[in-house]
Amino acid sequence: MGLDFNNRVAIVTGAGGGLGRLHALALAARGAKVVVNDLGGARDGSGGSVSAAQAVVAEIEAAGGVAMANGASVTDYAAVQAMVQSAVDAWGRVDILVNNAGILRDKSFAKMEMDDFRMVMDVHVMGAVHCTKAVWPHMVAQKYGRILMTTSSSGLYGNFGQSNYGAAKMALVGLMQTLSIEGAKHHIHVNCLAPTAATRMTEDLMPPQVLAALKPEAVVPAMLVLVADDAPNRTILCAGAGSVEAAQITLTHGAWVGLDSDAPERLHAALATVTNGSGASVPASGAAQGALEVGRARQHLA
C-alpha cells in the first residue's frame, strides 16, 4: 500500500525551486492539491517574483495534478493568512503544511551584521510561525493536520559560519516540541526534517562529486512519511544521499549534588557522570526533567 494524498490539500513554502519544488511535485503526484508558495527571491532573501512558483504549478498541471501559485513572503503574516484563506476558498481545507522557505546569510559570528542575523531568524522562525498560526485554526476545526518544520544539522549540531541559520533551525525544533503536544488532541502531528541535499542553498559549499550524491530527491521520502495520514508525532528525521536517521534530544541519568555550599565542587567532581550518555532517555515533555530532579531530591532529602 503506497502513501496516498488524494483529497488532501498541502501548502509548501519556498517551493519555487530546490527541495521545496520537489516536495510540491511529490505531494501533487500522489494526489494532493498543492499551494506552491515562493517569494522568488535570491537565496539571501533579496528580490522577489512569483514566476518560480508559477513554473512549478505548470509542471504539476502538465502531469495532471492540481496546484496554485502564491508569492507571499512568509515574513508577512497578513499575506500568509490570505494565502491560507485562498486555499480554503478553493479547496475547502488545508491538511498539510511544509515549512520549507529559508535564506542563507553565512558569516562567522565575529563578522556578522545584526541585520543578517535578524533576517535569517525572521524568515526561518517567524516565517514558520506565521504559516503555522494561519493554518492552525483550520486544522483544529477539521480535527486533522500535518505540519513539517525544516530543521538542519547546522542547528542540531552546529556549523562554522552559520550561527544565525543554526539558531533559527534549532528554534524550529523547540517550536515543534511544544506544538506536537498542543496539537495531539486535535490529531495535528508536528515533525521536523533535517535535509542534507545539494540545492541552490548549498551549491557553493561542496565539491561536484559530493553534490551529485546528495540529490535533493533523496530527502523527499522522509517528507512524505512525516506528513502522511499515519505520520509520527514529535519526530526529527535526518535524510540525505539515500539514508535516513532520527535525531533525539535526550536527558542523561545525571547525578544528585545537593544544595550544600560544596555543591559546585561536587558537580565539578561528578561532571563526567552527569554527562555520561548511557541510560539516557527521551523525555515525553519538558516536565520530565523536573520530575526526575524532584524525585531524586526526595530520595536524598527524605
C-alpha atoms as a PDB file:
ATOM      1  CA  MET A   1       0.000   0.000   0.000  1.00  0.00           C
ATOM      2  CA  GLY A   2       1.558   3.287  -1.100  1.00  0.00           C
ATOM      3  CA  LEU A   3       1.438   6.681   0.549  1.00  0.00           C
ATOM      4  CA  ASP A   4      -1.736   8.303  -0.748  1.00  0.00           C
ATOM      5  CA  PHE A   5      -2.544  12.008  -0.535  1.00  0.00           C
ATOM      6  CA  ASN A   6      -5.794  12.034  -2.512  1.00  0.00           C
ATOM      7  CA  ASN A   7      -8.276  14.612  -1.157  1.00  0.00           C
ATOM      8  CA  ARG A   8      -5.512  16.286   0.861  1.00  0.00           C
ATOM      9  CA  VAL A   9      -4.606  19.955   0.494  1.00  0.00           C
ATOM     10  CA  ALA A  10      -0.971  20.917   1.063  1.00  0.00           C
ATOM     11  CA  ILE A  11       0.925  24.197   1.319  1.00  0.00           C
ATOM     12  CA  VAL A  12       4.658  24.091   0.623  1.00  0.00           C
ATOM     13  CA  THR A  13       6.655  27.269   1.256  1.00  0.00           C
ATOM     14  CA  GLY A  14       9.813  28.046  -0.660  1.00  0.00           C
ATOM     15  CA  ALA A  15       8.556  25.683  -3.353  1.00  0.00           C
ATOM     16  CA  GLY A  16       9.737  27.572  -6.425  1.00  0.00           C
ATOM     17  CA  GLY A  17      12.987  25.617  -6.620  1.00  0.00           C
ATOM     18  CA  GLY A  18      15.283  23.162  -4.875  1.00  0.00           C
ATOM     19  CA  LEU A  19      13.866  20.898  -2.226  1.00  0.00           C
ATOM     20  CA  GLY A  20      10.562  22.766  -1.907  1.00  0.00           C
ATOM     21  CA  ARG A  21       9.814  22.232  -5.588  1.00  0.00           C
ATOM     22  CA  LEU A  22      10.435  18.508  -5.217  1.00  0.00           C
ATOM     23  CA  HIS A  23       8.211  18.380  -2.121  1.00  0.00           C
ATOM     24  CA  ALA A  24       5.392  20.069  -4.045  1.00  0.00           C
ATOM     25  CA  LEU A  25       5.801  17.809  -7.088  1.00  0.00           C
ATOM     26  CA  ALA A  26       5.843  14.660  -4.942  1.00  0.00           C
ATOM     27  CA  LEU A  27       2.720  15.607  -2.978  1.00  0.00           C
ATOM     28  CA  ALA A  28       0.885  16.515  -6.178  1.00  0.00           C
ATOM     29  CA  ALA A  29       1.973  13.286  -7.894  1.00  0.00           C
ATOM     30  CA  ARG A  30       0.414  11.336  -5.024  1.00  0.00           C
ATOM     31  CA  GLY A  31      -2.901  13.164  -5.249  1.00  0.00           C
ATOM     32  CA  ALA A  32      -2.637  16.275  -3.084  1.00  0.00           C
ATOM     33  CA  LYS A  33      -3.796  19.682  -4.222  1.00  0.00           C
ATOM     34  CA  VAL A  34      -0.815  21.947  -3.612  1.00  0.00           C
ATOM     35  CA  VAL A  35      -0.274  25.637  -2.917  1.00  0.00           C
ATOM     36  CA  VAL A  36       3.172  26.361  -4.335  1.00  0.00           C
ATOM     37  CA  ASN A  37       4.420  29.312  -2.293  1.00  0.00           C
ATOM     38  CA  ASP A  38       7.600  31.135  -3.211  1.00  0.00           C
ATOM     39  CA  LEU A  39       8.655  34.751  -2.863  1.00  0.00           C
ATOM     40  CA  GLY A  40      11.021  34.164  -5.774  1.00  0.00           C
ATOM     41  CA  GLY A  41      13.916  35.997  -4.167  1.00  0.00           C
ATOM     42  CA  ALA A  42      17.644  35.317  -4.187  1.00  0.00           C
ATOM     43  CA  ARG A  43      18.983  32.880  -1.632  1.00  0.00           C
ATOM     44  CA  ASP A  44      19.916  35.767   0.675  1.00  0.00           C
ATOM     45  CA  GLY A  45      16.241  36.816   0.660  1.00  0.00           C
ATOM     46  CA  SER A  46      16.556  39.808  -1.652  1.00  0.00           C
ATOM     47  CA  GLY A  47      14.206  40.459  -4.570  1.00  0.00           C
ATOM     48  CA  GLY A  48      11.040  38.592  -5.461  1.00  0.00           C
ATOM     49  CA  SER A  49       8.922  37.236  -8.326  1.00  0.00           C
ATOM     50  CA  VAL A  50       6.045  34.745  -8.435  1.00  0.00           C
ATOM     51  CA  SER A  51       7.321  33.276 -11.736  1.00  0.00           C
ATOM     52  CA  ALA A  52       9.270  30.478  -9.998  1.00  0.00           C
ATOM     53  CA  ALA A  53       6.128  29.304  -8.189  1.00  0.00           C
ATOM     54  CA  GLN A  54       4.079  29.570 -11.415  1.00  0.00           C
ATOM     55  CA  ALA A  55       6.617  27.395 -13.245  1.00  0.00           C
ATOM     56  CA  VAL A  56       6.227  24.648 -10.630  1.00  0.00           C
ATOM     57  CA  VAL A  57       2.433  24.899 -10.857  1.00  0.00           C
ATOM     58  CA  ALA A  58       2.757  24.469 -14.628  1.00  0.00           C
ATOM     59  CA  GLU A  59       4.847  21.326 -14.057  1.00  0.00           C
ATOM     60  CA  ILE A  60       2.239  19.904 -11.694  1.00  0.00           C
ATOM     61  CA  GLU A  61      -0.642  20.703 -14.049  1.00  0.00           C
ATOM     62  CA  ALA A  62       1.207  19.223 -17.023  1.00  0.00           C
ATOM     63  CA  ALA A  63       1.473  15.971 -15.064  1.00  0.00           C
ATOM     64  CA  GLY A  64      -2.275  16.006 -14.359  1.00  0.00           C
ATOM     65  CA  GLY A  65      -2.100  17.475 -10.874  1.00  0.00           C
ATOM     66  CA  VAL A  66      -3.838  20.410  -9.216  1.00  0.00           C
ATOM     67  CA  ALA A  67      -1.950  23.407  -7.850  1.00  0.00           C
ATOM     68  CA  MET A  68      -1.972  27.170  -7.386  1.00  0.00           C
ATOM     69  CA  ALA A  69       0.910  29.628  -7.144  1.00  0.00           C
ATOM     70  CA  ASN A  70       1.375  32.077  -4.288  1.00  0.00           C
ATOM     71  CA  GLY A  71       4.041  34.746  -3.955  1.00  0.00           C
ATOM     72  CA  ALA A  72       3.590  35.747  -0.305  1.00  0.00           C
ATOM     73  CA  SER A  73       6.641  36.385   1.832  1.00  0.00           C
ATOM     74  CA  VAL A  74       6.422  34.155   4.906  1.00  0.00           C
ATOM     75  CA  THR A  75       7.574  37.167   6.939  1.00  0.00           C
ATOM     76  CA  ASP A  76       4.290  38.949   6.113  1.00  0.00           C
ATOM     77  CA  TYR A  77       1.618  37.461   8.373  1.00  0.00           C
ATOM     78  CA  ALA A  78      -1.304  39.157   6.605  1.00  0.00           C
ATOM     79  CA  ALA A  79      -0.120  37.817   3.244  1.00  0.00           C
ATOM     80  CA  VAL A  80       0.301  34.339   4.735  1.00  0.00           C
ATOM     81  CA  GLN A  81      -3.230  34.448   6.188  1.00  0.00           C
ATOM     82  CA  ALA A  82      -4.544  35.436   2.745  1.00  0.00           C
ATOM     83  CA  MET A  83      -2.626  32.524   1.188  1.00  0.00           C
ATOM     84  CA  VAL A  84      -4.210  30.036   3.585  1.00  0.00           C
ATOM     85  CA  GLN A  85      -7.654  31.546   3.018  1.00  0.00           C
ATOM     86  CA  SER A  86      -7.234  31.240  -0.758  1.00  0.00           C
ATOM     87  CA  ALA A  87      -6.519  27.508  -0.350  1.00  0.00           C
ATOM     88  CA  VAL A  88      -9.570  27.074   1.896  1.00  0.00           C
ATOM     89  CA  ASP A  89     -11.740  29.063  -0.524  1.00  0.00           C
ATOM     90  CA  ALA A  90     -10.619  26.976  -3.488  1.00  0.00           C
ATOM     91  CA  TRP A  91     -10.394  23.520  -1.950  1.00  0.00           C
ATOM     92  CA  GLY A  92     -12.256  23.650   1.359  1.00  0.00           C
ATOM     93  CA  ARG A  93      -9.464  22.746   3.760  1.00  0.00           C
ATOM     94  CA  VAL A  94      -5.724  22.663   4.493  1.00  0.00           C
ATOM     95  CA  ASP A  95      -4.315  19.335   5.659  1.00  0.00           C
ATOM     96  CA  ILE A  96      -0.563  19.670   5.262  1.00  0.00           C
ATOM     97  CA  LEU A  97       1.906  22.494   5.786  1.00  0.00           C
ATOM     98  CA  VAL A  98       5.543  22.036   4.811  1.00  0.00           C
ATOM     99  CA  ASN A  99       7.550  24.951   6.210  1.00  0.00           C
ATOM    100  CA  ASN A 100      10.474  24.905   3.807  1.00  0.00           C
ATOM    101  CA  ALA A 101      11.163  28.576   2.985  1.00  0.00           C
ATOM    102  CA  GLY A 102      14.550  29.819   4.071  1.00  0.00           C
ATOM    103  CA  ILE A 103      17.506  32.047   3.288  1.00  0.00           C
ATOM    104  CA  LEU A 104      21.242  31.969   3.982  1.00  0.00           C
ATOM    105  CA  ARG A 105      23.457  34.827   5.110  1.00  0.00           C
ATOM    106  CA  ASP A 106      26.573  32.950   6.201  1.00  0.00           C
ATOM    107  CA  LYS A 107      29.443  34.646   8.004  1.00  0.00           C
ATOM    108  CA  SER A 108      31.455  33.948  11.111  1.00  0.00           C
ATOM    109  CA  PHE A 109      29.786  35.444  14.178  1.00  0.00           C
ATOM    110  CA  ALA A 110      32.647  37.950  14.588  1.00  0.00           C
ATOM    111  CA  LYS A 111      31.971  39.377  11.125  1.00  0.00           C
ATOM    112  CA  MET A 112      28.193  39.049  11.013  1.00  0.00           C
ATOM    113  CA  GLU A 113      25.961  42.113  10.941  1.00  0.00           C
ATOM    114  CA  MET A 114      22.983  42.013  13.292  1.00  0.00           C
ATOM    115  CA  ASP A 115      20.625  42.657  10.365  1.00  0.00           C
ATOM    116  CA  ASP A 116      21.845  39.421   8.768  1.00  0.00           C
ATOM    117  CA  PHE A 117      21.202  37.529  11.984  1.00  0.00           C
ATOM    118  CA  ARG A 118      17.757  39.074  12.430  1.00  0.00           C
ATOM    119  CA  MET A 119      16.654  38.482   8.832  1.00  0.00           C
ATOM    120  CA  VAL A 120      17.567  34.786   8.904  1.00  0.00           C
ATOM    121  CA  MET A 121      15.680  34.357  12.183  1.00  0.00           C
ATOM    122  CA  ASP A 122      12.714  36.256  10.735  1.00  0.00           C
ATOM    123  CA  VAL A 123      12.394  34.117   7.600  1.00  0.00           C
ATOM    124  CA  HIS A 124      13.029  30.700   9.143  1.00  0.00           C
ATOM    125  CA  VAL A 125      11.441  31.078  12.574  1.00  0.00           C
ATOM    126  CA  MET A 126       8.757  33.746  12.235  1.00  0.00           C
ATOM    127  CA  GLY A 127       8.014  32.533   8.699  1.00  0.00           C
ATOM    128  CA  ALA A 128       7.197  29.084  10.058  1.00  0.00           C
ATOM    129  CA  VAL A 129       5.289  30.609  12.984  1.00  0.00           C
ATOM    130  CA  HIS A 130       3.181  32.769  10.632  1.00  0.00           C
ATOM    131  CA  CYS A 131       2.303  29.857   8.357  1.00  0.00           C
ATOM    132  CA  THR A 132       1.598  27.504  11.243  1.00  0.00           C
ATOM    133  CA  LYS A 133      -0.543  30.062  13.068  1.00  0.00           C
ATOM    134  CA  ALA A 134      -2.550  30.703   9.894  1.00  0.00           C
ATOM    135  CA  VAL A 135      -3.346  27.008   9.290  1.00  0.00           C
ATOM    136  CA  TRP A 136      -3.783  26.044  12.953  1.00  0.00           C
ATOM    137  CA  PRO A 137      -7.447  27.073  13.460  1.00  0.00           C
ATOM    138  CA  HIS A 138      -8.445  25.270  10.237  1.00  0.00           C
ATOM    139  CA  MET A 139      -6.659  22.122  11.362  1.00  0.00           C
ATOM    140  CA  VAL A 140      -8.202  22.301  14.840  1.00  0.00           C
ATOM    141  CA  ALA A 141     -11.680  22.716  13.332  1.00  0.00           C
ATOM    142  CA  GLN A 142     -11.272  19.753  10.987  1.00  0.00           C
ATOM    143  CA  LYS A 143      -9.500  17.654  13.674  1.00  0.00           C
ATOM    144  CA  TYR A 144      -6.618  16.876  11.342  1.00  0.00           C
ATOM    145  CA  GLY A 145      -3.312  18.406  10.390  1.00  0.00           C
ATOM    146  CA  ARG A 146       0.249  17.536   9.442  1.00  0.00           C
ATOM    147  CA  ILE A 147       2.905  20.217   9.900  1.00  0.00           C
ATOM    148  CA  LEU A 148       6.551  19.820   8.991  1.00  0.00           C
ATOM    149  CA  MET A 149       9.341  22.120  10.148  1.00  0.00           C
ATOM    150  CA  THR A 150      12.591  22.106   8.184  1.00  0.00           C
ATOM    151  CA  THR A 151      15.445  21.981  10.668  1.00  0.00           C
ATOM    152  CA  SER A 152      19.107  21.327   9.901  1.00  0.00           C
ATOM    153  CA  SER A 153      22.216  19.599  11.185  1.00  0.00           C
ATOM    154  CA  SER A 154      23.603  23.148  11.451  1.00  0.00           C
ATOM    155  CA  GLY A 155      21.054  23.753  14.206  1.00  0.00           C
ATOM    156  CA  LEU A 156      21.164  20.310  15.785  1.00  0.00           C
ATOM    157  CA  TYR A 157      24.953  20.043  15.835  1.00  0.00           C
ATOM    158  CA  GLY A 158      26.430  23.367  14.675  1.00  0.00           C
ATOM    159  CA  ASN A 159      28.314  24.516  11.589  1.00  0.00           C
ATOM    160  CA  PHE A 160      31.018  27.168  11.274  1.00  0.00           C
ATOM    161  CA  GLY A 161      29.727  30.426   9.826  1.00  0.00           C
ATOM    162  CA  GLN A 162      26.065  29.628  10.427  1.00  0.00           C
ATOM    163  CA  SER A 163      25.273  30.946  13.904  1.00  0.00           C
ATOM    164  CA  ASN A 164      22.183  32.740  12.563  1.00  0.00           C
ATOM    165  CA  TYR A 165      20.976  29.786  10.478  1.00  0.00           C
ATOM    166  CA  GLY A 166      21.772  27.275  13.227  1.00  0.00           C
ATOM    167  CA  ALA A 167      19.943  29.297  15.874  1.00  0.00           C
ATOM    168  CA  ALA A 168      16.906  29.590  13.596  1.00  0.00           C
ATOM    169  CA  LYS A 169      16.884  25.889  12.735  1.00  0.00           C
ATOM    170  CA  MET A 170      17.136  24.810  16.372  1.00  0.00           C
ATOM    171  CA  ALA A 171      14.358  27.244  17.283  1.00  0.00           C
ATOM    172  CA  LEU A 172      12.089  25.301  14.921  1.00  0.00           C
ATOM    173  CA  VAL A 173      12.810  22.126  16.881  1.00  0.00           C
ATOM    174  CA  GLY A 174      11.672  23.878  20.049  1.00  0.00           C
ATOM    175  CA  LEU A 175       8.549  25.094  18.261  1.00  0.00           C
ATOM    176  CA  MET A 176       7.827  21.545  17.076  1.00  0.00           C
ATOM    177  CA  GLN A 177       8.275  20.069  20.560  1.00  0.00           C
ATOM    178  CA  THR A 178       5.500  22.193  22.070  1.00  0.00           C
ATOM    179  CA  LEU A 179       3.147  22.275  19.069  1.00  0.00           C
ATOM    180  CA  SER A 180       3.254  18.463  18.846  1.00  0.00           C
ATOM    181  CA  ILE A 181       1.997  18.330  22.436  1.00  0.00           C
ATOM    182  CA  GLU A 182      -0.677  21.014  21.963  1.00  0.00           C
ATOM    183  CA  GLY A 183      -1.842  19.607  18.625  1.00  0.00           C
ATOM    184  CA  ALA A 184      -2.078  15.934  19.593  1.00  0.00           C
ATOM    185  CA  LYS A 185      -5.673  16.062  20.869  1.00  0.00           C
ATOM    186  CA  HIS A 186      -6.735  17.611  17.554  1.00  0.00           C
ATOM    187  CA  HIS A 187      -4.877  14.944  15.527  1.00  0.00           C
ATOM    188  CA  ILE A 188      -2.389  17.601  14.415  1.00  0.00           C
ATOM    189  CA  HIS A 189       1.015  15.974  14.127  1.00  0.00           C
ATOM    190  CA  VAL A 190       4.102  18.178  14.024  1.00  0.00           C
ATOM    191  CA  ASN A 191       7.518  16.888  12.997  1.00  0.00           C
ATOM    192  CA  CYS A 192      10.933  18.095  11.828  1.00  0.00           C
ATOM    193  CA  LEU A 193      13.044  17.181   8.823  1.00  0.00           C
ATOM    194  CA  ALA A 194      16.798  17.854   8.646  1.00  0.00           C
ATOM    195  CA  PRO A 195      17.760  17.503   4.964  1.00  0.00           C
ATOM    196  CA  THR A 196      21.223  17.006   3.542  1.00  0.00           C
ATOM    197  CA  ALA A 197      20.759  17.998  -0.082  1.00  0.00           C
ATOM    198  CA  ALA A 198      22.523  19.799  -2.886  1.00  0.00           C
ATOM    199  CA  THR A 199      20.360  22.798  -3.743  1.00  0.00           C
ATOM    200  CA  ARG A 200      20.909  26.453  -4.576  1.00  0.00           C
ATOM    201  CA  MET A 201      21.413  26.959  -0.831  1.00  0.00           C
ATOM    202  CA  THR A 202      24.417  24.585  -0.702  1.00  0.00           C
ATOM    203  CA  GLU A 203      25.901  24.587  -4.201  1.00  0.00           C
ATOM    204  CA  ASP A 204      28.926  26.669  -3.188  1.00  0.00           C
ATOM    205  CA  LEU A 205      29.710  24.599  -0.104  1.00  0.00           C
ATOM    206  CA  MET A 206      30.557  21.162  -1.541  1.00  0.00           C
ATOM    207  CA  PRO A 207      32.668  19.626  -4.356  1.00  0.00           C
ATOM    208  CA  PRO A 208      30.845  18.424  -7.520  1.00  0.00           C
ATOM    209  CA  GLN A 209      31.122  14.672  -6.855  1.00  0.00           C
ATOM    210  CA  VAL A 210      29.619  15.084  -3.385  1.00  0.00           C
ATOM    211  CA  LEU A 211      26.853  17.288  -4.761  1.00  0.00           C
ATOM    212  CA  ALA A 212      25.963  14.527  -7.251  1.00  0.00           C
ATOM    213  CA  ALA A 213      25.413  12.035  -4.413  1.00  0.00           C
ATOM    214  CA  LEU A 214      23.306  14.497  -2.447  1.00  0.00           C
ATOM    215  CA  LYS A 215      20.385  14.727  -4.828  1.00  0.00           C
ATOM    216  CA  PRO A 216      17.553  16.595  -3.098  1.00  0.00           C
ATOM    217  CA  GLU A 217      15.213  13.863  -4.351  1.00  0.00           C
ATOM    218  CA  ALA A 218      16.675  11.644  -1.608  1.00  0.00           C
ATOM    219  CA  VAL A 219      15.069  13.843   1.072  1.00  0.00           C
ATOM    220  CA  VAL A 220      11.535  13.639  -0.307  1.00  0.00           C
ATOM    221  CA  PRO A 221      10.614  10.166   1.060  1.00  0.00           C
ATOM    222  CA  ALA A 222      11.164  11.366   4.636  1.00  0.00           C
ATOM    223  CA  MET A 223       8.946  14.398   3.984  1.00  0.00           C
ATOM    224  CA  LEU A 224       6.140  12.207   2.639  1.00  0.00           C
ATOM    225  CA  VAL A 225       6.283   9.880   5.658  1.00  0.00           C
ATOM    226  CA  LEU A 226       6.274  12.801   8.111  1.00  0.00           C
ATOM    227  CA  VAL A 227       3.097  14.347   6.616  1.00  0.00           C
ATOM    228  CA  ALA A 228       1.214  11.121   5.827  1.00  0.00           C
ATOM    229  CA  ASP A 229      -2.076  10.083   7.447  1.00  0.00           C
ATOM    230  CA  ASP A 230      -0.177   7.741   9.787  1.00  0.00           C
ATOM    231  CA  ALA A 231       2.718  10.148  10.355  1.00  0.00           C
ATOM    232  CA  PRO A 232       4.517  10.033  13.692  1.00  0.00           C
ATOM    233  CA  ASN A 233       4.304  12.998  16.044  1.00  0.00           C
ATOM    234  CA  ARG A 234       7.262  14.879  17.544  1.00  0.00           C
ATOM    235  CA  THR A 235       9.878  13.163  15.413  1.00  0.00           C
ATOM    236  CA  ILE A 236      13.066  14.587  13.903  1.00  0.00           C
ATOM    237  CA  LEU A 237      14.199  12.726  10.801  1.00  0.00           C
ATOM    238  CA  CYS A 238      17.513  13.449   9.098  1.00  0.00           C
ATOM    239  CA  ALA A 239      17.769  12.441   5.438  1.00  0.00           C
ATOM    240  CA  GLY A 240      20.287  12.593   2.628  1.00  0.00           C
ATOM    241  CA  ALA A 241      22.032  10.538  -0.064  1.00  0.00           C
ATOM    242  CA  GLY A 242      19.621   7.638   0.444  1.00  0.00           C
ATOM    243  CA  SER A 243      19.948   7.372   4.236  1.00  0.00           C
ATOM    244  CA  VAL A 244      17.501   8.367   6.945  1.00  0.00           C
ATOM    245  CA  GLU A 245      18.316   8.785  10.630  1.00  0.00           C
ATOM    246  CA  ALA A 246      16.441  10.113  13.671  1.00  0.00           C
ATOM    247  CA  ALA A 247      17.790  12.855  15.917  1.00  0.00           C
ATOM    248  CA  GLN A 248      16.668  12.832  19.525  1.00  0.00           C
ATOM    249  CA  ILE A 249      17.116  15.292  22.366  1.00  0.00           C
ATOM    250  CA  THR A 250      17.980  13.105  25.315  1.00  0.00           C
ATOM    251  CA  LEU A 251      18.327  13.552  29.062  1.00  0.00           C
ATOM    252  CA  THR A 252      21.118  11.728  30.866  1.00  0.00           C
ATOM    253  CA  HIS A 253      20.507   9.928  34.137  1.00  0.00           C
ATOM    254  CA  GLY A 254      22.646  12.582  35.825  1.00  0.00           C
ATOM    255  CA  ALA A 255      23.632  12.806  39.470  1.00  0.00           C
ATOM    256  CA  TRP A 256      22.462  14.479  42.677  1.00  0.00           C
ATOM    257  CA  VAL A 257      24.887  17.090  44.008  1.00  0.00           C
ATOM    258  CA  GLY A 258      22.702  18.580  46.714  1.00  0.00           C
ATOM    259  CA  LEU A 259      22.177  22.111  47.949  1.00  0.00           C
ATOM    260  CA  ASP A 260      25.062  22.499  50.372  1.00  0.00           C
ATOM    261  CA  SER A 261      27.839  25.032  49.965  1.00  0.00           C
ATOM    262  CA  ASP A 262      30.052  22.388  48.397  1.00  0.00           C
ATOM    263  CA  ALA A 263      27.530  21.641  45.602  1.00  0.00           C
ATOM    264  CA  PRO A 264      29.696  23.398  42.961  1.00  0.00           C
ATOM    265  CA  GLU A 265      32.698  21.245  43.924  1.00  0.00           C
ATOM    266  CA  ARG A 266      30.557  18.103  43.965  1.00  0.00           C
ATOM    267  CA  LEU A 267      29.247  18.909  40.480  1.00  0.00           C
ATOM    268  CA  HIS A 268      32.769  19.642  39.276  1.00  0.00           C
ATOM    269  CA  ALA A 269      33.880  16.211  40.519  1.00  0.00           C
ATOM    270  CA  ALA A 270      30.789  14.440  39.123  1.00  0.00           C
ATOM    271  CA  LEU A 271      30.643  16.146  35.720  1.00  0.00           C
ATOM    272  CA  ALA A 272      31.745  13.024  33.824  1.00  0.00           C
ATOM    273  CA  THR A 273      28.905  11.087  35.479  1.00  0.00           C
ATOM    274  CA  VAL A 274      26.385  13.853  34.722  1.00  0.00           C
ATOM    275  CA  THR A 275      27.315  13.936  31.036  1.00  0.00           C
ATOM    276  CA  ASN A 276      27.526  10.138  30.600  1.00  0.00           C
ATOM    277  CA  GLY A 277      25.044   9.174  27.880  1.00  0.00           C
ATOM    278  CA  SER A 278      24.436   5.577  28.959  1.00  0.00           C
ATOM    279  CA  GLY A 279      20.873   5.171  30.196  1.00  0.00           C
ATOM    280  CA  ALA A 280      19.781   8.470  28.649  1.00  0.00           C
ATOM    281  CA  SER A 281      16.069   8.914  27.938  1.00  0.00           C
ATOM    282  CA  VAL A 282      13.928  10.926  25.529  1.00  0.00           C
ATOM    283  CA  PRO A 283      11.541  12.885  27.772  1.00  0.00           C
ATOM    284  CA  ALA A 284       7.883  12.996  26.732  1.00  0.00           C
ATOM    285  CA  SER A 285       7.825  16.710  27.616  1.00  0.00           C
ATOM    286  CA  GLY A 286       9.861  19.318  29.444  1.00  0.00           C
ATOM    287  CA  ALA A 287       8.125  18.332  32.683  1.00  0.00           C
ATOM    288  CA  ALA A 288      10.141  15.113  32.698  1.00  0.00           C
ATOM    289  CA  GLN A 289      13.305  16.991  33.627  1.00  0.00           C
ATOM    290  CA  GLY A 290      11.646  18.474  36.708  1.00  0.00           C
ATOM    291  CA  ALA A 291      10.084  15.121  37.635  1.00  0.00           C
ATOM    292  CA  LEU A 292      13.487  13.421  37.542  1.00  0.00           C
ATOM    293  CA  GLU A 293      15.105  16.157  39.623  1.00  0.00           C
ATOM    294  CA  VAL A 294      12.310  16.365  42.203  1.00  0.00           C
ATOM    295  CA  GLY A 295      12.174  12.579  42.508  1.00  0.00           C
ATOM    296  CA  ARG A 296      15.892  12.338  43.136  1.00  0.00           C
ATOM    297  CA  ALA A 297      15.776  15.214  45.655  1.00  0.00           C
ATOM    298  CA  ARG A 298      13.041  13.387  47.583  1.00  0.00           C
ATOM    299  CA  GLN A 299      15.208  10.274  47.782  1.00  0.00           C
ATOM    300  CA  HIS A 300      18.185  12.191  49.098  1.00  0.00           C
ATOM    301  CA  LEU A 301      16.335  14.583  51.384  1.00  0.00           C
ATOM    302  CA  ALA A 302      13.872  12.108  52.919  1.00  0.00           C
END
